[in-house]
Amino acid sequence: MTTNRITVDIDKSLIRFILSYLRFIFLFKKKPKFRKTSRGYHLWLYFDRKMSDKDMFKYRKLLFDDENRIRLDMVCITKPRQILFDEKIVVLIENGKKEKIRHAVLK
């Protein structure tokens, strides 16, 4: 299976969020989209190319994604991967500007 995105879930750690954000930029030369959640942060980035599951898992680990989320995505064949949230209105913060967008993840 292949994907053109990486999603990262960081709970309770501003330092891990900052390190993940900077590592996104270092690895991919692009700033990830992100939002604050009630328990931490969600970060995501879409790519122009597809990547293998193996690469996706490797990058998620490098980007400090939640270990349990990675493990479940690796072992659960029927579960959709990289689910962060259902469709909802999200406040996107990019370059200091706030923008409301509709973000959908199909289950």
C-alpha atoms as a PDB file:
ATOM      1  CA  MET A   1       0.000   0.000   0.000  1.00  0.00           C
ATOM      2  CA  THR A   2       1.166   3.566  -0.620  1.00  0.00           C
ATOM      3  CA  THR A   3       0.215   6.986   0.715  1.00  0.00           C
ATOM      4  CA  ASN A   4       0.871  10.610  -0.183  1.00  0.00           C
ATOM      5  CA  ARG A   5       0.613  11.985   3.355  1.00  0.00           C
ATOM      6  CA  ILE A   6       2.037  11.698   6.826  1.00  0.00           C
ATOM      7  CA  THR A   7       0.045  12.448   9.957  1.00  0.00           C
ATOM      8  CA  VAL A   8       1.515  12.764  13.430  1.00  0.00           C
ATOM      9  CA  ASP A   9      -0.241  12.804  16.812  1.00  0.00           C
ATOM     10  CA  ILE A  10       1.699  14.367  19.702  1.00  0.00           C
ATOM     11  CA  ASP A  11       0.135  14.257  23.161  1.00  0.00           C
ATOM     12  CA  LYS A  12       0.998  16.527  26.102  1.00  0.00           C
ATOM     13  CA  SER A  13       4.424  17.733  24.970  1.00  0.00           C
ATOM     14  CA  LEU A  14       5.129  21.146  23.504  1.00  0.00           C
ATOM     15  CA  ILE A  15       8.816  20.219  23.154  1.00  0.00           C
ATOM     16  CA  ARG A  16       8.007  17.088  21.096  1.00  0.00           C
ATOM     17  CA  PHE A  17       5.646  19.184  18.948  1.00  0.00           C
ATOM     18  CA  ILE A  18       8.380  21.747  18.253  1.00  0.00           C
ATOM     19  CA  LEU A  19      10.938  19.020  17.501  1.00  0.00           C
ATOM     20  CA  SER A  20       8.472  17.248  15.199  1.00  0.00           C
ATOM     21  CA  TYR A  21       7.620  20.506  13.372  1.00  0.00           C
ATOM     22  CA  LEU A  22      11.312  21.299  12.836  1.00  0.00           C
ATOM     23  CA  ARG A  23      12.075  17.742  11.753  1.00  0.00           C
ATOM     24  CA  PHE A  24       9.239  17.910   9.164  1.00  0.00           C
ATOM     25  CA  ILE A  25      10.951  20.965   7.696  1.00  0.00           C
ATOM     26  CA  PHE A  26      14.404  19.333   7.808  1.00  0.00           C
ATOM     27  CA  LEU A  27      13.257  16.044   6.223  1.00  0.00           C
ATOM     28  CA  PHE A  28      10.804  17.344   3.628  1.00  0.00           C
ATOM     29  CA  LYS A  29      11.777  21.007   3.107  1.00  0.00           C
ATOM     30  CA  LYS A  30       8.123  21.946   3.722  1.00  0.00           C
ATOM     31  CA  LYS A  31       6.214  23.229   6.743  1.00  0.00           C
ATOM     32  CA  PRO A  32       3.551  20.835   8.001  1.00  0.00           C
ATOM     33  CA  LYS A  33       0.006  21.892   8.711  1.00  0.00           C
ATOM     34  CA  PHE A  34      -0.912  21.583  12.383  1.00  0.00           C
ATOM     35  CA  ARG A  35      -3.605  22.166  14.934  1.00  0.00           C
ATOM     36  CA  LYS A  36      -3.784  22.182  18.710  1.00  0.00           C
ATOM     37  CA  THR A  37      -6.025  19.531  20.222  1.00  0.00           C
ATOM     38  CA  SER A  38      -7.361  19.049  23.722  1.00  0.00           C
ATOM     39  CA  ARG A  39      -4.510  16.601  24.435  1.00  0.00           C
ATOM     40  CA  GLY A  40      -1.650  17.928  22.284  1.00  0.00           C
ATOM     41  CA  TYR A  41      -1.089  18.538  18.570  1.00  0.00           C
ATOM     42  CA  HIS A  42      -1.843  17.032  15.178  1.00  0.00           C
ATOM     43  CA  LEU A  43       0.570  17.654  12.307  1.00  0.00           C
ATOM     44  CA  TRP A  44       0.163  16.561   8.694  1.00  0.00           C
ATOM     45  CA  LEU A  45       1.770  17.026   5.319  1.00  0.00           C
ATOM     46  CA  TYR A  46       0.689  15.994   1.825  1.00  0.00           C
ATOM     47  CA  PHE A  47       3.226  15.096  -0.862  1.00  0.00           C
ATOM     48  CA  ASP A  48       3.332  15.211  -4.646  1.00  0.00           C
ATOM     49  CA  ARG A  49       4.578  11.629  -4.673  1.00  0.00           C
ATOM     50  CA  LYS A  50       3.515   8.379  -3.048  1.00  0.00           C
ATOM     51  CA  MET A  51       5.577   6.594  -0.416  1.00  0.00           C
ATOM     52  CA  SER A  52       5.517   3.011   0.794  1.00  0.00           C
ATOM     53  CA  ASP A  53       4.051   1.990   4.132  1.00  0.00           C
ATOM     54  CA  LYS A  54       7.554   1.106   5.278  1.00  0.00           C
ATOM     55  CA  ASP A  55       8.756   4.662   4.603  1.00  0.00           C
ATOM     56  CA  MET A  56       5.606   6.178   6.119  1.00  0.00           C
ATOM     57  CA  PHE A  57       6.106   4.253   9.374  1.00  0.00           C
ATOM     58  CA  LYS A  58       9.792   5.164   9.436  1.00  0.00           C
ATOM     59  CA  TYR A  59       9.024   8.874   9.043  1.00  0.00           C
ATOM     60  CA  ARG A  60       6.216   8.800  11.612  1.00  0.00           C
ATOM     61  CA  LYS A  61       8.646   7.329  14.137  1.00  0.00           C
ATOM     62  CA  LEU A  62      11.274   9.962  13.273  1.00  0.00           C
ATOM     63  CA  LEU A  63       8.604  12.661  13.691  1.00  0.00           C
ATOM     64  CA  PHE A  64       7.668  11.486  17.223  1.00  0.00           C
ATOM     65  CA  ASP A  65       4.218  10.155  16.334  1.00  0.00           C
ATOM     66  CA  ASP A  66       2.379   8.374  19.146  1.00  0.00           C
ATOM     67  CA  GLU A  67       4.017   4.918  19.529  1.00  0.00           C
ATOM     68  CA  ASN A  68       0.714   3.132  20.202  1.00  0.00           C
ATOM     69  CA  ARG A  69      -0.841   4.677  17.094  1.00  0.00           C
ATOM     70  CA  ILE A  70       2.093   3.511  14.961  1.00  0.00           C
ATOM     71  CA  ARG A  71       1.978  -0.001  16.445  1.00  0.00           C
ATOM     72  CA  LEU A  72      -1.787  -0.325  15.888  1.00  0.00           C
ATOM     73  CA  ASP A  73      -1.461   0.901  12.296  1.00  0.00           C
ATOM     74  CA  MET A  74       1.262  -1.684  11.667  1.00  0.00           C
ATOM     75  CA  VAL A  75      -0.644  -4.697  13.030  1.00  0.00           C
ATOM     76  CA  CYS A  76      -4.315  -3.940  12.263  1.00  0.00           C
ATOM     77  CA  ILE A  77      -4.941  -4.887   8.660  1.00  0.00           C
ATOM     78  CA  THR A  78      -8.617  -3.822   8.545  1.00  0.00           C
ATOM     79  CA  LYS A  79      -8.175  -0.506  10.392  1.00  0.00           C
ATOM     80  CA  PRO A  80      -7.670   2.603   8.241  1.00  0.00           C
ATOM     81  CA  ARG A  81      -4.226   4.069   8.801  1.00  0.00           C
ATOM     82  CA  GLN A  82      -3.193   7.498  10.046  1.00  0.00           C
ATOM     83  CA  ILE A  83      -6.627   8.469  11.354  1.00  0.00           C
ATOM     84  CA  LEU A  84      -6.446  11.613  13.451  1.00  0.00           C
ATOM     85  CA  PHE A  85     -10.003  12.904  13.410  1.00  0.00           C
ATOM     86  CA  ASP A  86     -13.297  12.665  11.528  1.00  0.00           C
ATOM     87  CA  GLU A  87     -14.551  15.454   9.302  1.00  0.00           C
ATOM     88  CA  LYS A  88     -14.657  18.693  11.226  1.00  0.00           C
ATOM     89  CA  ILE A  89     -13.846  22.329  10.870  1.00  0.00           C
ATOM     90  CA  VAL A  90     -10.205  22.832  11.709  1.00  0.00           C
ATOM     91  CA  VAL A  91      -8.389  26.059  12.447  1.00  0.00           C
ATOM     92  CA  LEU A  92      -5.197  25.914  10.426  1.00  0.00           C
ATOM     93  CA  ILE A  93      -2.302  28.109  11.487  1.00  0.00           C
ATOM     94  CA  GLU A  94       0.270  28.768   8.780  1.00  0.00           C
ATOM     95  CA  ASN A  95       2.786  31.615   8.696  1.00  0.00           C
ATOM     96  CA  GLY A  96       0.971  33.251  11.603  1.00  0.00           C
ATOM     97  CA  LYS A  97      -2.358  33.342   9.730  1.00  0.00           C
ATOM     98  CA  LYS A  98      -5.453  31.483  10.909  1.00  0.00           C
ATOM     99  CA  GLU A  99      -7.688  29.824   8.346  1.00  0.00           C
ATOM    100  CA  LYS A 100     -10.753  27.650   8.907  1.00  0.00           C
ATOM    101  CA  ILE A 101     -10.823  24.568   6.682  1.00  0.00           C
ATOM    102  CA  ARG A 102     -12.935  21.448   6.431  1.00  0.00           C
ATOM    103  CA  HIS A 103     -10.754  18.402   6.946  1.00  0.00           C
ATOM    104  CA  ALA A 104     -12.213  14.988   6.171  1.00  0.00           C
ATOM    105  CA  VAL A 105     -10.822  11.579   6.966  1.00  0.00           C
ATOM    106  CA  LEU A 106     -12.910   8.683   5.728  1.00  0.00           C
ATOM    107  CA  LYS A 107     -13.410   5.735   8.047  1.00  0.00           C
END
